[in-house]
Amino acid sequence: MRALIRRANKQDLDGLREFLSRAKLGTDGLTEETVDYFLLLENEYGTIMGSLGMEAFTEFGLLRSLVVSPGQAEKEIFILFDQMMQLAKEKGMKGLFLATNKSVALPFFEIMGFQRIDRAGIPSEFYQSKHIRHVLNVDNSLFLKFSL
């Protein structure tokens, strides 16, 4: 299978919302203004097989909506992250953060260069995010940072 990773656009909104909904992820905040902060992994037929989004703040991005269909190669997931890091650099960001409650994912994120941080290390502007406020109330939440 030949995969393509590209930045999402307004024409992708409905398909991306459907893809995320099937994965039982919320689509709040996915709008015409924010869709270009999402990357899509597509197969040769244009079917979405993966996504990775970023909630943008002044100097930092908060990674969101990492979803990949079963059977995706690890290499493609690494490329998805690498492309998101390039997008964040293009947008002038200094770092990327992510929140998870899945400790089994830590080795993957550490291989990608993310470092675990305390809650105190989260930028104060992130507290405007409904997602962060939700994650802070989930037991076993972990926060990681990648410096650009």
Protein backbone atom coordinates (compact mmCIF):
# COMPACT_ATOMS: atom_id res chain seq x y z
CA MET A 1 0.00 0.00 0.00
CA ARG A 2 1.22 3.46 -0.85
CA ALA A 3 0.37 6.01 1.84
CA LEU A 4 0.19 9.77 1.57
CA ILE A 5 0.46 12.22 4.46
CA ARG A 6 -0.90 15.68 3.83
CA ARG A 7 -2.32 18.68 5.62
CA ALA A 8 -6.10 18.62 5.93
CA ASN A 9 -8.20 21.35 4.35
CA LYS A 10 -11.81 22.57 4.53
CA GLN A 11 -12.97 19.92 2.05
CA ASP A 12 -11.76 17.23 4.48
CA LEU A 13 -13.87 18.40 7.44
CA ASP A 14 -16.78 15.98 7.07
CA GLY A 15 -14.58 12.97 6.38
CA LEU A 16 -12.22 13.80 9.23
CA ARG A 17 -15.09 14.31 11.66
CA GLU A 18 -16.54 10.95 10.64
CA PHE A 19 -13.15 9.24 11.01
CA LEU A 20 -12.61 10.69 14.50
CA SER A 21 -16.18 9.89 15.56
CA ARG A 22 -15.71 6.24 14.54
CA ALA A 23 -12.68 6.19 16.85
CA LYS A 24 -14.90 7.60 19.62
CA LEU A 25 -13.02 10.90 19.75
CA GLY A 26 -14.73 14.25 20.03
CA THR A 27 -14.65 16.70 17.17
CA ASP A 28 -15.17 19.86 19.22
CA GLY A 29 -12.71 22.45 18.03
CA LEU A 30 -12.39 20.95 14.56
CA THR A 31 -13.52 23.87 12.41
CA GLU A 32 -12.74 25.54 9.10
CA GLU A 33 -10.24 27.72 11.01
CA THR A 34 -8.46 24.83 12.75
CA VAL A 35 -8.55 22.06 10.12
CA ASP A 36 -5.20 23.11 8.65
CA TYR A 37 -3.60 22.06 11.96
CA PHE A 38 -4.52 18.44 11.17
CA LEU A 39 -2.55 15.93 9.15
CA LEU A 40 -4.15 13.03 7.33
CA LEU A 41 -2.68 9.65 6.47
CA GLU A 42 -4.48 8.35 3.38
CA ASN A 43 -4.24 5.20 1.32
CA GLU A 44 -3.89 5.24 -2.46
CA TYR A 45 -7.69 5.60 -2.81
CA GLY A 46 -7.87 8.74 -0.65
CA THR A 47 -9.39 6.92 2.33
CA ILE A 48 -8.32 8.37 5.68
CA MET A 49 -6.26 5.77 7.55
CA GLY A 50 -4.85 8.05 10.24
CA SER A 51 -4.89 11.54 11.67
CA LEU A 52 -2.92 13.76 14.00
CA GLY A 53 -4.07 17.21 15.02
CA MET A 54 -2.69 20.12 16.96
CA GLU A 55 -4.46 22.69 19.08
CA ALA A 56 -2.41 25.84 18.51
CA PHE A 57 -1.48 28.33 21.20
CA THR A 58 0.92 31.27 21.04
CA GLU A 59 4.25 29.45 21.22
CA PHE A 60 3.20 25.86 21.72
CA GLY A 61 0.97 23.20 20.23
CA LEU A 62 -1.06 20.57 22.01
CA LEU A 63 -1.23 17.33 20.02
CA ARG A 64 -4.71 15.89 19.61
CA SER A 65 -6.62 13.24 17.73
CA LEU A 66 -3.93 10.66 17.04
CA VAL A 67 -5.88 7.87 15.39
CA VAL A 68 -4.58 5.19 13.07
CA SER A 69 -6.50 2.37 11.47
CA PRO A 70 -5.39 -1.16 12.33
CA GLY A 71 -2.53 -2.41 10.21
CA GLN A 72 -0.76 0.90 9.70
CA ALA A 73 3.02 0.57 9.63
CA GLU A 74 4.99 2.03 12.51
CA LYS A 75 7.04 3.93 9.94
CA GLU A 76 3.93 5.80 8.76
CA ILE A 77 3.10 6.84 12.33
CA PHE A 78 6.64 8.15 12.82
CA ILE A 79 6.36 10.10 9.56
CA LEU A 80 3.01 11.53 10.73
CA PHE A 81 4.71 12.82 13.90
CA ASP A 82 7.70 14.12 11.96
CA GLN A 83 5.41 16.06 9.60
CA MET A 84 3.52 17.52 12.60
CA MET A 85 6.82 18.71 14.06
CA GLN A 86 7.61 20.39 10.73
CA LEU A 87 4.16 22.04 10.70
CA ALA A 88 4.70 23.34 14.23
CA LYS A 89 8.06 24.80 13.19
CA GLU A 90 6.43 26.47 10.17
CA LYS A 91 3.90 28.04 12.54
CA GLY A 92 6.76 29.41 14.67
CA MET A 93 6.14 27.22 17.70
CA LYS A 94 8.78 26.42 20.30
CA GLY A 95 7.42 23.07 21.41
CA LEU A 96 4.70 20.45 21.29
CA PHE A 97 2.89 18.91 24.22
CA LEU A 98 0.68 15.89 24.54
CA ALA A 99 -1.48 14.41 27.26
CA THR A 100 -2.34 10.75 27.64
CA ASN A 101 -3.59 8.34 30.25
CA LYS A 102 -2.15 5.35 28.39
CA SER A 103 1.18 4.57 30.01
CA VAL A 104 1.77 1.78 27.44
CA ALA A 105 2.25 4.55 24.85
CA LEU A 106 5.14 6.16 26.78
CA PRO A 107 7.96 4.18 25.10
CA PHE A 108 6.69 5.21 21.65
CA PHE A 109 6.52 8.89 22.59
CA GLU A 110 9.95 8.74 24.24
CA ILE A 111 11.43 7.24 21.05
CA MET A 112 9.92 10.23 19.23
CA GLY A 113 11.85 12.56 21.59
CA PHE A 114 9.06 13.55 23.97
CA GLN A 115 9.98 13.95 27.64
CA ARG A 116 7.63 13.47 30.55
CA ILE A 117 6.86 16.65 32.51
CA ASP A 118 4.98 17.53 35.69
CA ARG A 119 1.63 19.27 35.46
CA ALA A 120 3.41 22.44 36.61
CA GLY A 121 5.30 22.43 33.30
CA ILE A 122 2.14 22.85 31.23
CA PRO A 123 1.92 26.36 29.74
CA SER A 124 -0.74 28.39 31.57
CA GLU A 125 -2.56 29.21 28.31
CA PHE A 126 -3.31 25.49 27.88
CA TYR A 127 -5.82 25.73 30.72
CA GLN A 128 -8.13 27.47 28.22
CA SER A 129 -8.37 24.13 26.42
CA LYS A 130 -11.41 22.01 27.21
CA HIS A 131 -9.28 18.97 26.38
CA ILE A 132 -6.61 19.81 28.98
CA ARG A 133 -9.22 20.55 31.65
CA HIS A 134 -10.76 17.14 30.93
CA VAL A 135 -7.39 15.33 31.00
CA LEU A 136 -6.48 16.96 34.32
CA ASN A 137 -9.51 15.25 35.83
CA VAL A 138 -8.61 11.80 34.48
CA ASP A 139 -6.66 9.50 36.77
CA ASN A 140 -3.16 8.56 35.62
CA SER A 141 -2.86 11.48 33.19
CA LEU A 142 0.63 11.95 31.83
CA PHE A 143 2.03 15.03 30.11
CA LEU A 144 4.93 15.08 27.68
CA LYS A 145 6.83 17.81 25.86
CA PHE A 146 8.89 17.95 22.69
CA SER A 147 11.11 21.03 22.25
CA LEU A 148 11.46 22.29 18.69
